[in-house]
Amino acid sequence: MSQETEHFAKLTEIRREYTLGGLRRENLPDTPIMLFNQWLQQACDAQLPDPTAMCVATVDQQGQPYQRIVLLKHFDEKSMSFYTNLGSRKAQHLQENNRISLHFPWYFLDRQVMVIGRAEKLPVSQVLTYFHSRPFESQIGAWVSKQSSRISGRSCLETAFREMKEKYQQGEVPLPSFWGGYRVNIDAMEFWQGGKHRLHDRFIYQKQDDCWKIDRLAP
């Protein structure tokens, strides 16, 4: 057996049983956000690293999907919000196609949550309030990075950071015109709880008028 084939064989042997719990229809709340809030709190209580981290998926004009990790900053009964550079790749995609998917990989708890929805820009007033709540260095970092653009090296970022930090050291950092956020209006949410023998529990909430339709999905 070649070294490459042996390595591949070892990968196929990596598996484990999912035994941390189950999910039953009679225990589900009427709205997905209630269950999401419960799971998020449990992820925080379990001290998972970055419990608000979510994979954000968008699609370009050629139908090519892209994914990246972004932090959830707000949620309510109907939506979830995050902030980003409005010149970034994800923002360019959303300008042409506002369909979006979010994914929370809480695999330490044998759980996943997927969100499907439509993104819209947050009002400037909300963006401004959040921007000034960020640490000073994070505000400066937003100014110096033209997100997703090609750069010659890290040194140009570090130089720009030092210059901007010195410029605004004694005053308030203004909101960059190219920095904003998105509200994802939720159309569907899917909850996955790992189960023994790969008999996982999956439920999907789908928005229908002013209520939610709940279905169990095969694992």
N, C-alpha and C. Protein backbone atom coordinates (compact mmCIF):
# COMPACT_ATOMS: atom_id res chain seq x y z
N MET A 1 0.85 -1.19 0.00
CA MET A 1 0.00 0.00 0.00
C MET A 1 0.89 1.25 0.00
N SER A 2 0.62 2.19 -0.92
CA SER A 2 1.41 3.41 -0.99
C SER A 2 1.12 4.29 0.21
N GLN A 3 2.03 5.22 0.48
CA GLN A 3 1.86 6.13 1.61
C GLN A 3 0.60 6.96 1.44
N GLU A 4 0.31 7.40 0.21
CA GLU A 4 -0.88 8.21 -0.06
C GLU A 4 -2.14 7.39 0.21
N THR A 5 -2.17 6.12 -0.27
CA THR A 5 -3.33 5.27 -0.05
C THR A 5 -3.51 4.96 1.42
N GLU A 6 -2.40 4.74 2.13
CA GLU A 6 -2.47 4.45 3.56
C GLU A 6 -3.04 5.64 4.32
N HIS A 7 -2.64 6.85 3.94
CA HIS A 7 -3.15 8.06 4.58
C HIS A 7 -4.65 8.18 4.36
N PHE A 8 -5.10 7.91 3.14
CA PHE A 8 -6.52 7.99 2.82
C PHE A 8 -7.30 6.97 3.64
N ALA A 9 -6.75 5.77 3.79
CA ALA A 9 -7.42 4.72 4.55
C ALA A 9 -7.59 5.14 6.00
N LYS A 10 -6.59 5.82 6.57
CA LYS A 10 -6.70 6.27 7.96
C LYS A 10 -7.79 7.32 8.11
N LEU A 11 -7.95 8.18 7.12
CA LEU A 11 -9.00 9.18 7.18
C LEU A 11 -10.38 8.53 7.22
N THR A 12 -10.57 7.48 6.46
CA THR A 12 -11.88 6.82 6.42
C THR A 12 -12.21 6.13 7.73
N GLU A 13 -11.21 5.91 8.57
CA GLU A 13 -11.43 5.24 9.85
C GLU A 13 -11.79 6.21 10.98
N ILE A 14 -11.72 7.51 10.70
CA ILE A 14 -12.02 8.50 11.73
C ILE A 14 -13.53 8.63 11.87
N ARG A 15 -14.05 8.20 12.99
CA ARG A 15 -15.48 8.29 13.27
C ARG A 15 -15.72 8.15 14.75
N ARG A 16 -16.88 8.54 15.20
CA ARG A 16 -17.27 8.36 16.59
C ARG A 16 -18.78 8.29 16.68
N GLU A 17 -19.27 7.85 17.81
CA GLU A 17 -20.72 7.83 18.04
C GLU A 17 -21.14 9.19 18.63
N TYR A 18 -22.34 9.62 18.27
CA TYR A 18 -22.90 10.87 18.79
C TYR A 18 -23.89 10.51 19.90
N THR A 19 -23.52 10.81 21.13
CA THR A 19 -24.28 10.29 22.27
C THR A 19 -24.71 11.37 23.26
N LEU A 20 -24.62 12.64 22.89
CA LEU A 20 -24.87 13.70 23.86
C LEU A 20 -26.34 14.03 24.07
N GLY A 21 -27.22 13.49 23.26
CA GLY A 21 -28.64 13.79 23.48
C GLY A 21 -29.48 13.57 22.25
N GLY A 22 -30.78 13.74 22.41
CA GLY A 22 -31.71 13.59 21.29
C GLY A 22 -32.59 14.81 21.18
N LEU A 23 -33.39 14.84 20.12
CA LEU A 23 -34.30 15.95 19.87
C LEU A 23 -35.63 15.35 19.44
N ARG A 24 -36.70 15.66 20.16
CA ARG A 24 -38.01 15.07 19.89
C ARG A 24 -39.02 16.15 19.55
N ARG A 25 -39.94 15.80 18.66
CA ARG A 25 -40.92 16.78 18.18
C ARG A 25 -41.73 17.39 19.31
N GLU A 26 -42.12 16.59 20.30
CA GLU A 26 -42.96 17.11 21.38
C GLU A 26 -42.23 18.11 22.28
N ASN A 27 -40.91 18.16 22.16
CA ASN A 27 -40.13 19.08 22.98
C ASN A 27 -39.75 20.37 22.26
N LEU A 28 -40.16 20.50 21.00
CA LEU A 28 -39.78 21.67 20.21
C LEU A 28 -40.70 22.85 20.51
N PRO A 29 -40.14 24.05 20.66
CA PRO A 29 -40.97 25.25 20.82
C PRO A 29 -41.63 25.61 19.49
N ASP A 30 -42.58 26.52 19.54
CA ASP A 30 -43.33 26.90 18.34
C ASP A 30 -42.49 27.71 17.35
N THR A 31 -41.47 28.41 17.85
CA THR A 31 -40.65 29.24 16.98
C THR A 31 -39.20 28.78 17.03
N PRO A 32 -38.47 28.85 15.92
CA PRO A 32 -37.08 28.38 15.90
C PRO A 32 -36.14 29.21 16.76
N ILE A 33 -36.42 30.51 16.89
CA ILE A 33 -35.52 31.37 17.66
C ILE A 33 -35.50 30.97 19.13
N MET A 34 -36.61 30.47 19.64
CA MET A 34 -36.64 30.03 21.03
C MET A 34 -35.66 28.87 21.24
N LEU A 35 -35.66 27.91 20.30
CA LEU A 35 -34.73 26.78 20.39
C LEU A 35 -33.30 27.25 20.14
N PHE A 36 -33.11 28.15 19.17
CA PHE A 36 -31.78 28.68 18.90
C PHE A 36 -31.21 29.38 20.13
N ASN A 37 -32.01 30.18 20.77
CA ASN A 37 -31.56 30.90 21.96
C ASN A 37 -31.14 29.93 23.07
N GLN A 38 -31.91 28.87 23.22
CA GLN A 38 -31.57 27.85 24.23
C GLN A 38 -30.25 27.17 23.89
N TRP A 39 -30.08 26.77 22.63
CA TRP A 39 -28.85 26.11 22.21
C TRP A 39 -27.65 27.05 22.30
N LEU A 40 -27.83 28.30 21.92
CA LEU A 40 -26.72 29.26 22.00
C LEU A 40 -26.29 29.46 23.45
N GLN A 41 -27.26 29.56 24.34
CA GLN A 41 -26.93 29.73 25.75
C GLN A 41 -26.17 28.52 26.28
N GLN A 42 -26.59 27.33 25.85
CA GLN A 42 -25.89 26.11 26.28
C GLN A 42 -24.49 26.04 25.70
N ALA A 43 -24.31 26.54 24.48
CA ALA A 43 -22.97 26.60 23.88
C ALA A 43 -22.08 27.56 24.66
N CYS A 44 -22.66 28.68 25.11
CA CYS A 44 -21.90 29.63 25.93
C CYS A 44 -21.57 29.03 27.29
N ASP A 45 -22.55 28.38 27.90
CA ASP A 45 -22.34 27.77 29.21
C ASP A 45 -21.27 26.68 29.16
N ALA A 46 -21.20 25.98 28.01
CA ALA A 46 -20.20 24.92 27.84
C ALA A 46 -18.83 25.49 27.50
N GLN A 47 -18.75 26.82 27.39
CA GLN A 47 -17.51 27.53 27.09
C GLN A 47 -16.88 27.06 25.78
N LEU A 48 -17.74 26.85 24.79
CA LEU A 48 -17.23 26.52 23.46
C LEU A 48 -16.48 27.73 22.91
N PRO A 49 -15.40 27.52 22.17
CA PRO A 49 -14.70 28.66 21.56
C PRO A 49 -15.57 29.32 20.51
N ASP A 50 -15.70 30.63 20.58
CA ASP A 50 -16.47 31.41 19.60
C ASP A 50 -17.87 30.83 19.36
N PRO A 51 -18.73 30.77 20.36
CA PRO A 51 -20.06 30.19 20.17
C PRO A 51 -20.93 30.97 19.19
N THR A 52 -20.62 32.25 18.95
CA THR A 52 -21.41 33.04 18.01
C THR A 52 -20.86 33.00 16.59
N ALA A 53 -19.78 32.23 16.38
CA ALA A 53 -19.20 32.13 15.04
C ALA A 53 -20.12 31.33 14.12
N MET A 54 -20.32 31.84 12.92
CA MET A 54 -21.19 31.17 11.96
C MET A 54 -20.54 31.22 10.58
N CYS A 55 -20.77 30.18 9.82
CA CYS A 55 -20.29 30.14 8.43
C CYS A 55 -21.34 30.82 7.56
N VAL A 56 -20.93 31.85 6.84
CA VAL A 56 -21.82 32.61 5.97
C VAL A 56 -21.57 32.20 4.52
N ALA A 57 -22.60 31.73 3.84
CA ALA A 57 -22.48 31.27 2.46
C ALA A 57 -23.23 32.21 1.51
N THR A 58 -22.52 32.65 0.47
CA THR A 58 -23.12 33.47 -0.58
C THR A 58 -22.73 32.87 -1.94
N VAL A 59 -23.34 33.39 -3.00
CA VAL A 59 -23.10 32.86 -4.34
C VAL A 59 -22.81 34.02 -5.30
N ASP A 60 -21.77 33.85 -6.16
CA ASP A 60 -21.45 34.91 -7.10
C ASP A 60 -22.33 34.81 -8.35
N GLN A 61 -22.08 35.69 -9.32
CA GLN A 61 -22.93 35.75 -10.52
C GLN A 61 -22.81 34.51 -11.39
N GLN A 62 -21.74 33.75 -11.23
CA GLN A 62 -21.56 32.52 -12.01
C GLN A 62 -22.12 31.30 -11.27
N GLY A 63 -22.70 31.52 -10.10
CA GLY A 63 -23.25 30.41 -9.33
C GLY A 63 -22.23 29.71 -8.44
N GLN A 64 -21.03 30.31 -8.30
CA GLN A 64 -19.99 29.72 -7.46
C GLN A 64 -20.24 30.07 -6.00
N PRO A 65 -20.43 29.08 -5.12
CA PRO A 65 -20.62 29.39 -3.70
C PRO A 65 -19.30 29.77 -3.02
N TYR A 66 -19.39 30.64 -2.03
CA TYR A 66 -18.26 31.01 -1.18
C TYR A 66 -18.74 30.95 0.28
N GLN A 67 -17.80 30.60 1.18
CA GLN A 67 -18.11 30.54 2.60
C GLN A 67 -17.00 31.23 3.39
N ARG A 68 -17.40 31.78 4.54
CA ARG A 68 -16.44 32.39 5.45
C ARG A 68 -17.06 32.45 6.84
N ILE A 69 -16.21 32.57 7.87
CA ILE A 69 -16.69 32.64 9.24
C ILE A 69 -16.88 34.10 9.65
N VAL A 70 -18.06 34.39 10.20
CA VAL A 70 -18.42 35.73 10.66
C VAL A 70 -19.08 35.58 12.03
N LEU A 71 -19.01 36.61 12.86
CA LEU A 71 -19.62 36.55 14.18
C LEU A 71 -21.04 37.12 14.17
N LEU A 72 -21.96 36.37 14.73
CA LEU A 72 -23.33 36.85 14.93
C LEU A 72 -23.31 37.95 15.98
N LYS A 73 -24.00 39.08 15.68
CA LYS A 73 -23.98 40.20 16.62
C LYS A 73 -25.36 40.54 17.19
N HIS A 74 -26.41 40.03 16.59
CA HIS A 74 -27.76 40.31 17.11
C HIS A 74 -28.73 39.31 16.47
N PHE A 75 -29.76 38.96 17.23
CA PHE A 75 -30.85 38.18 16.65
C PHE A 75 -32.14 38.49 17.38
N ASP A 76 -33.25 38.31 16.67
CA ASP A 76 -34.57 38.47 17.26
C ASP A 76 -35.48 37.41 16.67
N GLU A 77 -36.76 37.54 16.83
CA GLU A 77 -37.70 36.51 16.38
C GLU A 77 -37.68 36.28 14.87
N LYS A 78 -37.26 37.29 14.11
CA LYS A 78 -37.37 37.22 12.66
C LYS A 78 -36.04 37.29 11.92
N SER A 79 -34.95 37.65 12.60
CA SER A 79 -33.73 37.92 11.84
C SER A 79 -32.47 37.70 12.67
N MET A 80 -31.33 37.69 11.94
CA MET A 80 -29.99 37.64 12.54
C MET A 80 -29.14 38.68 11.82
N SER A 81 -28.19 39.28 12.57
CA SER A 81 -27.41 40.37 12.00
C SER A 81 -25.91 40.18 12.19
N PHE A 82 -25.15 40.69 11.21
CA PHE A 82 -23.68 40.71 11.30
C PHE A 82 -23.17 41.95 10.61
N TYR A 83 -21.88 42.27 10.83
CA TYR A 83 -21.27 43.47 10.28
C TYR A 83 -20.08 43.10 9.41
N THR A 84 -19.80 43.95 8.41
CA THR A 84 -18.73 43.63 7.47
C THR A 84 -18.36 44.86 6.65
N ASN A 85 -17.30 44.73 5.88
CA ASN A 85 -16.90 45.74 4.91
C ASN A 85 -17.86 45.65 3.71
N LEU A 86 -18.44 46.77 3.30
CA LEU A 86 -19.42 46.77 2.21
C LEU A 86 -18.77 46.61 0.83
N GLY A 87 -17.44 46.59 0.79
CA GLY A 87 -16.75 46.32 -0.46
C GLY A 87 -16.22 44.90 -0.53
N SER A 88 -16.52 44.10 0.48
CA SER A 88 -16.03 42.73 0.54
C SER A 88 -16.68 41.85 -0.50
N ARG A 89 -16.12 40.67 -0.68
CA ARG A 89 -16.67 39.72 -1.64
C ARG A 89 -18.11 39.36 -1.29
N LYS A 90 -18.37 39.10 0.00
CA LYS A 90 -19.72 38.72 0.40
C LYS A 90 -20.72 39.83 0.11
N ALA A 91 -20.30 41.09 0.35
CA ALA A 91 -21.19 42.22 0.09
C ALA A 91 -21.47 42.36 -1.41
N GLN A 92 -20.47 42.13 -2.24
CA GLN A 92 -20.66 42.19 -3.69
C GLN A 92 -21.65 41.10 -4.14
N HIS A 93 -21.52 39.92 -3.55
CA HIS A 93 -22.46 38.84 -3.89
C HIS A 93 -23.88 39.22 -3.50
N LEU A 94 -24.04 39.74 -2.28
CA LEU A 94 -25.38 40.05 -1.77
C LEU A 94 -26.03 41.20 -2.54
N GLN A 95 -25.22 42.04 -3.15
CA GLN A 95 -25.77 43.12 -3.96
C GLN A 95 -26.49 42.56 -5.19
N GLU A 96 -25.99 41.46 -5.73
CA GLU A 96 -26.59 40.83 -6.90
C GLU A 96 -27.61 39.75 -6.54
N ASN A 97 -27.39 39.09 -5.42
CA ASN A 97 -28.25 37.98 -5.00
C ASN A 97 -28.29 37.98 -3.48
N ASN A 98 -29.41 38.41 -2.90
CA ASN A 98 -29.47 38.57 -1.45
C ASN A 98 -29.83 37.27 -0.71
N ARG A 99 -29.90 36.16 -1.43
CA ARG A 99 -30.13 34.88 -0.75
C ARG A 99 -28.85 34.48 0.00
N ILE A 100 -29.03 33.99 1.22
CA ILE A 100 -27.87 33.72 2.07
C ILE A 100 -28.15 32.54 2.98
N SER A 101 -27.10 31.86 3.39
CA SER A 101 -27.23 30.76 4.35
C SER A 101 -26.20 30.95 5.46
N LEU A 102 -26.64 30.69 6.69
CA LEU A 102 -25.77 30.76 7.87
C LEU A 102 -25.70 29.37 8.49
N HIS A 103 -24.55 29.04 9.07
CA HIS A 103 -24.39 27.72 9.69
C HIS A 103 -23.59 27.84 10.98
N PHE A 104 -24.16 27.31 12.06
CA PHE A 104 -23.50 27.30 13.37
C PHE A 104 -23.01 25.89 13.66
N PRO A 105 -21.70 25.65 13.70
CA PRO A 105 -21.14 24.31 13.86
C PRO A 105 -20.79 23.97 15.31
N TRP A 106 -21.79 23.75 16.12
CA TRP A 106 -21.54 23.44 17.53
C TRP A 106 -21.29 21.94 17.71
N TYR A 107 -20.25 21.44 17.03
CA TYR A 107 -20.02 19.99 17.00
C TYR A 107 -19.54 19.44 18.33
N PHE A 108 -19.02 20.29 19.23
CA PHE A 108 -18.65 19.79 20.56
C PHE A 108 -19.88 19.35 21.35
N LEU A 109 -21.04 19.85 20.95
CA LEU A 109 -22.31 19.45 21.56
C LEU A 109 -23.12 18.55 20.63
N ASP A 110 -22.47 18.07 19.57
CA ASP A 110 -23.15 17.23 18.56
C ASP A 110 -24.33 17.98 17.95
N ARG A 111 -24.14 19.25 17.67
CA ARG A 111 -25.25 20.07 17.15
C ARG A 111 -24.81 20.93 15.98
N GLN A 112 -25.77 21.19 15.10
CA GLN A 112 -25.60 22.15 14.03
C GLN A 112 -26.92 22.91 13.87
N VAL A 113 -26.83 24.17 13.46
CA VAL A 113 -28.02 24.94 13.10
C VAL A 113 -27.75 25.62 11.77
N MET A 114 -28.69 25.46 10.84
CA MET A 114 -28.58 26.13 9.53
C MET A 114 -29.73 27.11 9.37
N VAL A 115 -29.40 28.28 8.84
CA VAL A 115 -30.39 29.33 8.62
C VAL A 115 -30.41 29.67 7.13
N ILE A 116 -31.59 29.78 6.56
CA ILE A 116 -31.76 30.20 5.17
C ILE A 116 -32.60 31.47 5.17
N GLY A 117 -32.13 32.49 4.44
CA GLY A 117 -32.89 33.74 4.44
C GLY A 117 -32.45 34.70 3.36
N ARG A 118 -32.87 35.95 3.55
CA ARG A 118 -32.59 37.03 2.60
C ARG A 118 -31.95 38.19 3.37
N ALA A 119 -30.85 38.69 2.83
CA ALA A 119 -30.09 39.73 3.52
C ALA A 119 -30.48 41.12 3.03
N GLU A 120 -30.51 42.06 3.98
CA GLU A 120 -30.71 43.47 3.65
C GLU A 120 -29.77 44.31 4.50
N LYS A 121 -29.34 45.44 3.98
CA LYS A 121 -28.40 46.29 4.70
C LYS A 121 -29.05 46.88 5.94
N LEU A 122 -28.26 46.98 7.01
CA LEU A 122 -28.71 47.61 8.24
C LEU A 122 -28.70 49.13 8.09
N PRO A 123 -29.57 49.84 8.78
CA PRO A 123 -29.54 51.31 8.73
C PRO A 123 -28.24 51.85 9.31
N VAL A 124 -27.80 52.98 8.78
CA VAL A 124 -26.53 53.58 9.21
C VAL A 124 -26.52 53.87 10.70
N SER A 125 -27.65 54.28 11.24
CA SER A 125 -27.72 54.61 12.67
C SER A 125 -27.38 53.40 13.53
N GLN A 126 -27.86 52.22 13.14
CA GLN A 126 -27.56 51.00 13.89
C GLN A 126 -26.09 50.61 13.72
N VAL A 127 -25.58 50.76 12.50
CA VAL A 127 -24.17 50.45 12.22
C VAL A 127 -23.26 51.36 13.05
N LEU A 128 -23.60 52.64 13.10
CA LEU A 128 -22.78 53.61 13.84
C LEU A 128 -22.73 53.27 15.33
N THR A 129 -23.88 52.93 15.90
CA THR A 129 -23.93 52.57 17.32
C THR A 129 -23.04 51.37 17.60
N TYR A 130 -23.13 50.35 16.75
CA TYR A 130 -22.30 49.16 16.97
C TYR A 130 -20.82 49.47 16.74
N PHE A 131 -20.52 50.24 15.69
CA PHE A 131 -19.12 50.54 15.37
C PHE A 131 -18.41 51.18 16.56
N HIS A 132 -19.07 52.12 17.21
CA HIS A 132 -18.44 52.82 18.33
C HIS A 132 -18.45 52.00 19.62
N SER A 133 -19.13 50.85 19.61
CA SER A 133 -19.06 49.95 20.76
C SER A 133 -17.87 48.99 20.65
N ARG A 134 -17.23 48.95 19.48
CA ARG A 134 -16.10 48.05 19.27
C ARG A 134 -14.84 48.61 19.94
N PRO A 135 -13.88 47.74 20.25
CA PRO A 135 -12.61 48.23 20.78
C PRO A 135 -11.94 49.20 19.80
N PHE A 136 -11.17 50.14 20.33
CA PHE A 136 -10.51 51.16 19.51
C PHE A 136 -9.70 50.54 18.37
N GLU A 137 -8.93 49.49 18.68
CA GLU A 137 -8.09 48.86 17.65
C GLU A 137 -8.93 48.22 16.55
N SER A 138 -10.10 47.70 16.90
CA SER A 138 -10.97 47.10 15.89
C SER A 138 -11.55 48.16 14.97
N GLN A 139 -11.84 49.34 15.53
CA GLN A 139 -12.32 50.45 14.70
C GLN A 139 -11.25 50.87 13.71
N ILE A 140 -10.01 50.94 14.18
CA ILE A 140 -8.90 51.29 13.29
C ILE A 140 -8.71 50.21 12.22
N GLY A 141 -8.82 48.95 12.63
CA GLY A 141 -8.67 47.85 11.69
C GLY A 141 -9.67 47.90 10.56
N ALA A 142 -10.89 48.36 10.86
CA ALA A 142 -11.91 48.48 9.83
C ALA A 142 -11.51 49.50 8.77
N TRP A 143 -10.80 50.56 9.19
CA TRP A 143 -10.39 51.61 8.25
C TRP A 143 -9.28 51.15 7.31
N VAL A 144 -8.35 50.34 7.80
CA VAL A 144 -7.14 50.06 7.02
C VAL A 144 -7.28 48.87 6.08
N SER A 145 -8.36 48.09 6.20
CA SER A 145 -8.49 46.90 5.35
C SER A 145 -9.55 47.09 4.27
N LYS A 146 -9.12 47.06 3.04
CA LYS A 146 -10.04 47.02 1.91
C LYS A 146 -10.33 45.55 1.65
N GLN A 147 -11.28 45.02 2.40
CA GLN A 147 -11.49 43.58 2.50
C GLN A 147 -11.65 42.90 1.14
N SER A 148 -10.99 41.77 0.99
CA SER A 148 -11.02 40.90 -0.20
C SER A 148 -10.16 41.40 -1.36
N SER A 149 -9.59 42.61 -1.24
CA SER A 149 -8.73 43.11 -2.32
C SER A 149 -7.33 42.52 -2.18
N ARG A 150 -6.60 42.44 -3.28
CA ARG A 150 -5.24 41.92 -3.26
C ARG A 150 -4.28 42.98 -2.73
N ILE A 151 -3.33 42.56 -1.87
CA ILE A 151 -2.35 43.48 -1.31
C ILE A 151 -0.95 42.89 -1.50
N SER A 152 0.06 43.76 -1.46
CA SER A 152 1.42 43.32 -1.74
C SER A 152 2.04 42.55 -0.58
N GLY A 153 1.59 42.84 0.64
CA GLY A 153 2.15 42.15 1.79
C GLY A 153 1.54 42.65 3.08
N ARG A 154 1.84 41.97 4.19
CA ARG A 154 1.27 42.35 5.48
C ARG A 154 1.79 43.69 5.96
N SER A 155 3.00 44.04 5.56
CA SER A 155 3.61 45.28 6.04
C SER A 155 2.77 46.51 5.68
N CYS A 156 2.11 46.49 4.52
CA CYS A 156 1.30 47.65 4.14
C CYS A 156 0.10 47.81 5.08
N LEU A 157 -0.45 46.69 5.57
CA LEU A 157 -1.54 46.76 6.55
C LEU A 157 -1.03 47.32 7.87
N GLU A 158 0.11 46.82 8.32
CA GLU A 158 0.65 47.24 9.61
C GLU A 158 1.04 48.72 9.59
N THR A 159 1.59 49.18 8.47
CA THR A 159 1.95 50.59 8.36
C THR A 159 0.70 51.47 8.40
N ALA A 160 -0.31 51.08 7.63
CA ALA A 160 -1.56 51.85 7.62
C ALA A 160 -2.22 51.85 9.00
N PHE A 161 -2.14 50.72 9.69
CA PHE A 161 -2.73 50.62 11.03
C PHE A 161 -2.04 51.59 11.99
N ARG A 162 -0.71 51.64 11.98
CA ARG A 162 0.03 52.54 12.86
C ARG A 162 -0.30 54.00 12.57
N GLU A 163 -0.40 54.34 11.29
CA GLU A 163 -0.69 55.72 10.90
C GLU A 163 -2.09 56.13 11.34
N MET A 164 -3.07 55.26 11.12
CA MET A 164 -4.44 55.57 11.49
C MET A 164 -4.60 55.61 13.01
N LYS A 165 -3.91 54.74 13.70
CA LYS A 165 -3.99 54.71 15.16
C LYS A 165 -3.45 56.01 15.75
N GLU A 166 -2.36 56.49 15.18
CA GLU A 166 -1.79 57.76 15.65
C GLU A 166 -2.71 58.93 15.32
N LYS A 167 -3.34 58.88 14.18
CA LYS A 167 -4.22 59.96 13.73
C LYS A 167 -5.42 60.13 14.65
N TYR A 168 -6.00 59.01 15.08
CA TYR A 168 -7.23 59.09 15.88
C TYR A 168 -7.02 58.78 17.35
N GLN A 169 -5.78 58.77 17.81
CA GLN A 169 -5.49 58.40 19.19
C GLN A 169 -6.20 59.30 20.19
N GLN A 170 -6.35 60.57 19.86
CA GLN A 170 -6.92 61.53 20.80
C GLN A 170 -8.38 61.88 20.51
N GLY A 171 -8.99 61.23 19.53
CA GLY A 171 -10.37 61.59 19.19
C GLY A 171 -11.19 60.38 18.79
N GLU A 172 -12.46 60.64 18.47
CA GLU A 172 -13.38 59.58 18.08
C GLU A 172 -13.09 59.11 16.65
N VAL A 173 -13.12 57.82 16.45
CA VAL A 173 -12.89 57.25 15.12
C VAL A 173 -14.18 57.36 14.32
N PRO A 174 -14.18 58.02 13.18
CA PRO A 174 -15.41 58.13 12.39
C PRO A 174 -15.78 56.80 11.73
N LEU A 175 -17.05 56.64 11.45
CA LEU A 175 -17.52 55.43 10.77
C LEU A 175 -17.09 55.47 9.31
N PRO A 176 -16.37 54.46 8.82
CA PRO A 176 -16.02 54.44 7.39
C PRO A 176 -17.27 54.31 6.53
N SER A 177 -17.30 55.00 5.42
CA SER A 177 -18.46 54.94 4.52
C SER A 177 -18.62 53.55 3.90
N PHE A 178 -17.53 52.76 3.90
CA PHE A 178 -17.55 51.45 3.28
C PHE A 178 -17.77 50.32 4.29
N TRP A 179 -18.18 50.66 5.49
CA TRP A 179 -18.37 49.65 6.54
C TRP A 179 -19.82 49.65 6.99
N GLY A 180 -20.41 48.45 7.09
CA GLY A 180 -21.82 48.37 7.44
C GLY A 180 -22.20 47.00 7.96
N GLY A 181 -23.45 46.64 7.79
CA GLY A 181 -23.92 45.36 8.28
C GLY A 181 -25.15 44.88 7.54
N TYR A 182 -25.54 43.65 7.84
CA TYR A 182 -26.68 43.03 7.18
C TYR A 182 -27.61 42.38 8.19
N ARG A 183 -28.89 42.50 7.90
CA ARG A 183 -29.90 41.76 8.64
C ARG A 183 -30.37 40.61 7.75
N VAL A 184 -30.31 39.40 8.26
CA VAL A 184 -30.77 38.23 7.52
C VAL A 184 -32.19 37.90 7.98
N ASN A 185 -33.16 38.15 7.12
CA ASN A 185 -34.54 37.82 7.42
C ASN A 185 -34.74 36.32 7.21
N ILE A 186 -35.15 35.65 8.28
CA ILE A 186 -35.15 34.19 8.29
C ILE A 186 -36.36 33.61 7.57
N ASP A 187 -36.09 32.71 6.61
CA ASP A 187 -37.15 31.96 5.92
C ASP A 187 -37.26 30.54 6.45
N ALA A 188 -36.14 29.97 6.89
CA ALA A 188 -36.14 28.60 7.40
C ALA A 188 -34.95 28.41 8.33
N MET A 189 -35.12 27.51 9.31
CA MET A 189 -34.02 27.13 10.20
C MET A 189 -34.07 25.63 10.40
N GLU A 190 -32.90 25.00 10.29
CA GLU A 190 -32.80 23.56 10.49
C GLU A 190 -31.90 23.25 11.69
N PHE A 191 -32.37 22.36 12.54
CA PHE A 191 -31.64 21.96 13.74
C PHE A 191 -31.23 20.50 13.63
N TRP A 192 -29.97 20.22 13.91
CA TRP A 192 -29.40 18.87 13.81
C TRP A 192 -28.80 18.49 15.15
N GLN A 193 -29.26 17.37 15.68
CA GLN A 193 -28.71 16.82 16.91
C GLN A 193 -28.20 15.42 16.63
N GLY A 194 -26.91 15.18 16.87
CA GLY A 194 -26.33 13.88 16.58
C GLY A 194 -26.96 12.77 17.41
N GLY A 195 -27.06 11.57 16.81
CA GLY A 195 -27.65 10.43 17.48
C GLY A 195 -26.85 9.15 17.26
N LYS A 196 -27.09 8.16 18.08
CA LYS A 196 -26.38 6.89 17.97
C LYS A 196 -26.66 6.22 16.63
N HIS A 197 -25.65 5.47 16.14
CA HIS A 197 -25.77 4.67 14.92
C HIS A 197 -26.13 5.53 13.71
N ARG A 198 -25.74 6.81 13.76
CA ARG A 198 -26.01 7.77 12.68
C ARG A 198 -27.51 8.03 12.50
N LEU A 199 -28.30 7.74 13.50
CA LEU A 199 -29.74 8.05 13.46
C LEU A 199 -29.94 9.43 14.10
N HIS A 200 -29.44 10.45 13.41
CA HIS A 200 -29.47 11.80 13.93
C HIS A 200 -30.90 12.36 13.91
N ASP A 201 -31.13 13.36 14.75
CA ASP A 201 -32.42 14.06 14.76
C ASP A 201 -32.28 15.37 14.00
N ARG A 202 -33.14 15.56 13.00
CA ARG A 202 -33.14 16.79 12.20
C ARG A 202 -34.55 17.33 12.10
N PHE A 203 -34.71 18.61 12.40
CA PHE A 203 -36.01 19.27 12.25
C PHE A 203 -35.81 20.58 11.52
N ILE A 204 -36.76 20.87 10.62
CA ILE A 204 -36.70 22.13 9.89
C ILE A 204 -37.95 22.95 10.18
N TYR A 205 -37.72 24.22 10.49
CA TYR A 205 -38.79 25.21 10.65
C TYR A 205 -38.85 26.02 9.35
N GLN A 206 -40.02 26.12 8.74
CA GLN A 206 -40.18 26.91 7.53
C GLN A 206 -41.28 27.94 7.74
N LYS A 207 -40.98 29.18 7.37
CA LYS A 207 -41.93 30.27 7.59
C LYS A 207 -43.11 30.14 6.63
N GLN A 208 -44.31 30.18 7.18
CA GLN A 208 -45.53 30.16 6.38
C GLN A 208 -46.46 31.22 6.95
N ASP A 209 -46.58 32.33 6.22
CA ASP A 209 -47.35 33.49 6.69
C ASP A 209 -46.79 33.94 8.04
N ASP A 210 -47.60 33.90 9.08
CA ASP A 210 -47.16 34.38 10.38
C ASP A 210 -46.86 33.25 11.36
N CYS A 211 -46.68 32.04 10.85
CA CYS A 211 -46.38 30.92 11.74
C CYS A 211 -45.27 30.06 11.13
N TRP A 212 -44.87 29.03 11.86
CA TRP A 212 -43.78 28.17 11.42
C TRP A 212 -44.27 26.73 11.25
N LYS A 213 -43.97 26.14 10.10
CA LYS A 213 -44.26 24.74 9.84
C LYS A 213 -43.04 23.92 10.24
N ILE A 214 -43.23 22.87 11.03
CA ILE A 214 -42.12 22.07 11.55
C ILE A 214 -42.21 20.67 10.97
N ASP A 215 -41.10 20.20 10.39
CA ASP A 215 -41.03 18.85 9.83
C ASP A 215 -39.77 18.16 10.31
N ARG A 216 -39.87 16.87 10.55
CA ARG A 216 -38.69 16.05 10.83
C ARG A 216 -38.10 15.62 9.50
N LEU A 217 -36.76 15.64 9.40
CA LEU A 217 -36.05 15.23 8.20
C LEU A 217 -35.28 13.94 8.49
N ALA A 218 -35.17 13.08 7.49
CA ALA A 218 -34.34 11.88 7.64
C ALA A 218 -32.88 12.30 7.80
N PRO A 219 -32.13 11.57 8.63
CA PRO A 219 -30.75 11.97 8.88
C PRO A 219 -29.83 11.75 7.69
